[in-house]
C-alpha cells in the first residue's frame, strides 16, 4: 500500500514529484500529437504512439502517487478515471477528457507534494518519524502477508475485526518499543555511558 504524502521522507517526496512531472509531460505531448478528423474522431500520429507507450509504463505508479493525496481523488476525479486505468484502442481515441483529467490531477498532486516538501524534510530528520514508520511496518506486516497469500488486504484492513487487530498491534508494538528503549537507557546509565539526573 502506497503511503500518503504526509507519511514519506523528503527523498520519496522528490521521487514522486519527478515521476509526476515526467508523467504530465508525456500526457501533454500525447494530447498535442493527436490528429483530429472531419468525422469528429481522433487518431494518433507516430509521436503520440511513442508517448502512449511511455504513459503506459508509468501510469500505475503515477496514479498511486496521485491517489496518495486523498483530497484530490473524489473531488477532481468525478469520472473515476484513476480506477479505470488507461484504455487503448488502435488509432481511436474518443476520451481525450481522460488525459486532461489526469493532467489536472497530476498538477494538483505536484502542488501538494511541493507544498509539503519542507515538512517532508523535517520528518526525514526526526527520529520519532522513523520509530512511527517502524511501528507502521510491524502493524501492516500481518495484513501484507495475508494479501500475498491471496486474501483481499484492503477489505480485511477496512473491516471491524481488521481495525481492532490493528489497534491492538499498535498498542502492543508501541509498548514493546517503549520497554526496549527503557532497557537500553537503563543499561547505558548502569554502565556509566549516560548521566543520571
Protein backbone atom coordinates (compact mmCIF):
# COMPACT_ATOMS: atom_id res chain seq x y z
CA UNK A 1 0.00 0.00 0.00
CA UNK A 2 1.40 3.41 -1.01
CA UNK A 3 1.95 5.80 1.88
CA UNK A 4 0.15 9.14 1.81
CA UNK A 5 2.15 12.28 1.11
CA UNK A 6 2.26 13.03 4.86
CA UNK A 7 4.00 9.72 5.65
CA UNK A 8 7.03 9.97 3.38
CA UNK A 9 10.61 11.22 3.56
CA UNK A 10 11.96 14.14 1.53
CA UNK A 11 13.68 11.63 -0.79
CA UNK A 12 10.39 9.87 -1.55
CA UNK A 13 8.68 13.25 -1.95
CA UNK A 14 11.27 14.31 -4.56
CA UNK A 15 10.98 10.96 -6.35
CA UNK A 16 7.20 11.31 -6.61
CA UNK A 17 7.48 14.91 -7.83
CA UNK A 18 9.91 13.90 -10.61
CA UNK A 19 7.75 10.99 -11.76
CA UNK A 20 4.56 13.10 -11.79
CA UNK A 21 6.34 15.87 -13.72
CA UNK A 22 7.52 13.30 -16.29
CA UNK A 23 4.04 11.73 -16.44
CA UNK A 24 2.38 15.13 -17.04
CA UNK A 25 4.88 15.94 -19.78
CA UNK A 26 4.12 12.65 -21.58
CA UNK A 27 0.37 13.26 -21.29
CA UNK A 28 0.65 16.79 -22.71
CA UNK A 29 2.90 15.65 -25.56
CA UNK A 30 0.45 12.84 -26.28
CA UNK A 31 -2.55 15.19 -26.42
CA UNK A 32 -0.66 17.64 -28.64
CA UNK A 33 0.03 14.87 -31.15
CA UNK A 34 -3.50 13.59 -31.65
CA UNK A 35 -4.89 14.13 -35.14
CA UNK A 36 -8.43 15.45 -35.44
CA UNK A 37 -10.65 14.15 -38.24
CA UNK A 38 -13.57 15.77 -40.04
CA UNK A 39 -15.74 12.91 -38.82
CA UNK A 40 -15.06 14.13 -35.27
CA UNK A 41 -12.78 11.31 -34.13
CA UNK A 42 -9.14 11.45 -33.08
CA UNK A 43 -6.22 9.26 -34.03
CA UNK A 44 -2.58 9.06 -33.01
CA UNK A 45 0.36 10.15 -35.12
CA UNK A 46 3.73 8.37 -34.66
CA UNK A 47 4.85 10.66 -31.83
CA UNK A 48 1.56 10.07 -29.97
CA UNK A 49 2.03 6.29 -30.29
CA UNK A 50 5.50 6.56 -28.74
CA UNK A 51 4.16 8.75 -25.93
CA UNK A 52 1.28 6.34 -25.35
CA UNK A 53 3.76 3.53 -24.66
CA UNK A 54 5.68 5.75 -22.24
CA UNK A 55 2.44 6.67 -20.45
CA UNK A 56 1.51 3.02 -20.08
CA UNK A 57 4.85 2.31 -18.39
CA UNK A 58 4.36 4.88 -15.61
CA UNK A 59 0.59 5.28 -15.28
CA UNK A 60 0.13 2.77 -12.44
CA UNK A 61 2.88 4.33 -10.33
CA UNK A 62 1.79 7.90 -11.17
CA UNK A 63 -1.84 7.16 -10.29
CA UNK A 64 -0.80 5.59 -6.99
CA UNK A 65 1.09 8.82 -6.14
CA UNK A 66 -1.96 10.91 -7.08
CA UNK A 67 -4.13 8.55 -5.04
CA UNK A 68 -1.80 9.15 -2.06
CA UNK A 69 -3.14 12.72 -1.88
CA UNK A 70 -6.68 11.96 -0.62
CA UNK A 71 -8.04 15.49 -1.18
CA UNK A 72 -7.55 15.17 -4.97
CA UNK A 73 -9.25 11.86 -5.66
CA UNK A 74 -13.01 12.10 -5.46
CA UNK A 75 -13.12 15.87 -5.86
CA UNK A 76 -11.40 16.15 -9.24
CA UNK A 77 -11.78 12.57 -10.45
CA UNK A 78 -15.58 12.63 -10.89
CA UNK A 79 -15.45 10.12 -13.75
CA UNK A 80 -13.30 7.72 -11.70
CA UNK A 81 -10.52 7.76 -14.31
CA UNK A 82 -7.88 6.65 -11.82
CA UNK A 83 -9.68 3.40 -11.14
CA UNK A 84 -10.41 2.70 -14.82
CA UNK A 85 -6.80 2.72 -15.99
CA UNK A 86 -5.69 3.59 -19.50
CA UNK A 87 -7.98 2.12 -22.18
CA UNK A 88 -6.36 1.90 -25.57
CA UNK A 89 -7.98 1.16 -28.91
CA UNK A 90 -5.79 1.18 -32.00
CA UNK A 91 -5.94 4.66 -33.62
CA UNK A 92 -9.27 5.55 -31.98
CA UNK A 93 -9.18 7.92 -29.02
CA UNK A 94 -12.61 9.14 -28.02
CA UNK A 95 -11.85 10.13 -24.42
CA UNK A 96 -9.32 12.94 -24.50
CA UNK A 97 -11.04 14.14 -21.31
CA UNK A 98 -9.46 11.11 -19.65
CA UNK A 99 -5.98 12.50 -20.34
CA UNK A 100 -6.94 16.07 -19.48
CA UNK A 101 -8.32 14.87 -16.15
CA UNK A 102 -5.07 13.00 -15.44
CA UNK A 103 -3.04 16.13 -16.27
CA UNK A 104 -5.23 18.17 -13.91
CA UNK A 105 -4.84 15.63 -11.09
CA UNK A 106 -1.07 15.33 -11.67
CA UNK A 107 -0.71 19.14 -11.46
CA UNK A 108 -2.67 19.30 -8.22
CA UNK A 109 -0.73 16.39 -6.70
CA UNK A 110 2.58 18.04 -7.65
CA UNK A 111 1.48 21.30 -6.00
CA UNK A 112 0.69 19.44 -2.77
CA UNK A 113 3.96 17.47 -2.82
CA UNK A 114 5.87 20.76 -3.36
CA UNK A 115 3.96 22.45 -0.55
CA UNK A 116 4.71 19.53 1.80
CA UNK A 117 8.41 19.44 0.86
CA UNK A 118 9.64 21.35 3.95
CA UNK A 119 7.55 19.12 6.24
CA UNK A 120 8.96 16.07 4.46
CA UNK A 121 12.45 17.38 5.28
CA UNK A 122 11.50 17.77 8.94
CA UNK A 123 10.05 14.25 9.02
CA UNK A 124 13.20 12.79 7.44
CA UNK A 125 15.46 14.12 10.21
CA UNK A 126 13.04 13.44 13.07
CA UNK A 127 13.88 10.17 14.92
CA UNK A 128 10.27 9.81 16.10
CA UNK A 129 9.13 9.68 12.46
CA UNK A 130 11.36 6.64 11.89
CA UNK A 131 10.05 4.98 15.05
CA UNK A 132 6.46 5.58 13.87
CA UNK A 133 7.41 4.23 10.43
CA UNK A 134 8.82 1.10 12.05
CA UNK A 135 5.65 0.64 14.13
CA UNK A 136 3.54 1.07 10.96
CA UNK A 137 5.68 -1.56 9.25
CA UNK A 138 5.21 -4.03 12.13
CA UNK A 139 1.44 -3.45 12.21
CA UNK A 140 1.00 -3.78 8.44
CA UNK A 141 3.13 -6.94 8.18
CA UNK A 142 0.36 -9.47 9.03
CA UNK A 143 -2.06 -7.77 6.59
CA UNK A 144 0.53 -7.68 3.79
CA UNK A 145 1.23 -11.38 4.40
CA UNK A 146 -2.50 -12.15 4.04
CA UNK A 147 -2.55 -10.06 0.84
CA UNK A 148 0.36 -12.03 -0.63
CA UNK A 149 -1.35 -15.32 0.23
CA UNK A 150 -4.37 -14.24 -1.83
CA UNK A 151 -6.79 -12.54 0.54
CA UNK A 152 -8.14 -9.06 -0.13
CA UNK A 153 -5.81 -6.96 2.03
CA UNK A 154 -7.77 -3.69 1.75
CA UNK A 155 -11.04 -5.39 2.68
CA UNK A 156 -9.53 -7.12 5.70
CA UNK A 157 -7.90 -3.88 6.94
CA UNK A 158 -11.16 -1.93 6.50
CA UNK A 159 -13.28 -4.49 8.39
CA UNK A 160 -14.15 -4.06 12.08
CA UNK A 161 -12.01 -7.06 13.08
CA UNK A 162 -9.11 -5.74 10.96
CA UNK A 163 -9.30 -2.32 12.64
CA UNK A 164 -9.47 -3.94 16.07
CA UNK A 165 -6.42 -6.11 15.32
CA UNK A 166 -4.56 -3.05 14.01
CA UNK A 167 -5.36 -1.11 17.18
CA UNK A 168 -4.13 -3.98 19.38
CA UNK A 169 -0.97 -4.33 17.28
CA UNK A 170 -0.28 -0.56 17.53
CA UNK A 171 -0.62 -0.65 21.32
CA UNK A 172 1.49 -3.81 21.63
CA UNK A 173 4.21 -2.50 19.25
CA UNK A 174 4.38 0.89 20.98
CA UNK A 175 4.60 -0.68 24.45
CA UNK A 176 7.26 -3.14 23.26
CA UNK A 177 9.37 -0.33 21.80
CA UNK A 178 8.96 1.74 24.99
CA UNK A 179 10.12 -1.23 27.11
CA UNK A 180 13.09 -1.88 24.80
CA UNK A 181 14.04 1.83 24.93
CA UNK A 182 13.78 1.79 28.74
CA UNK A 183 16.00 -1.32 28.98
CA UNK A 184 18.63 0.24 26.68
CA UNK A 185 18.63 3.57 28.58
CA UNK A 186 18.78 1.73 31.94
CA UNK A 187 21.71 -0.39 30.73
CA UNK A 188 23.56 2.71 29.45
CA UNK A 189 23.01 4.53 32.77
CA UNK A 190 24.23 1.49 34.75
CA UNK A 191 27.32 1.24 32.53
CA UNK A 192 28.05 4.92 33.12
CA UNK A 193 27.57 6.00 29.50
CA UNK A 194 24.59 8.24 30.34
CA UNK A 195 24.39 10.71 33.24
CA UNK A 196 21.81 10.21 35.96
CA UNK A 197 19.55 13.13 36.82
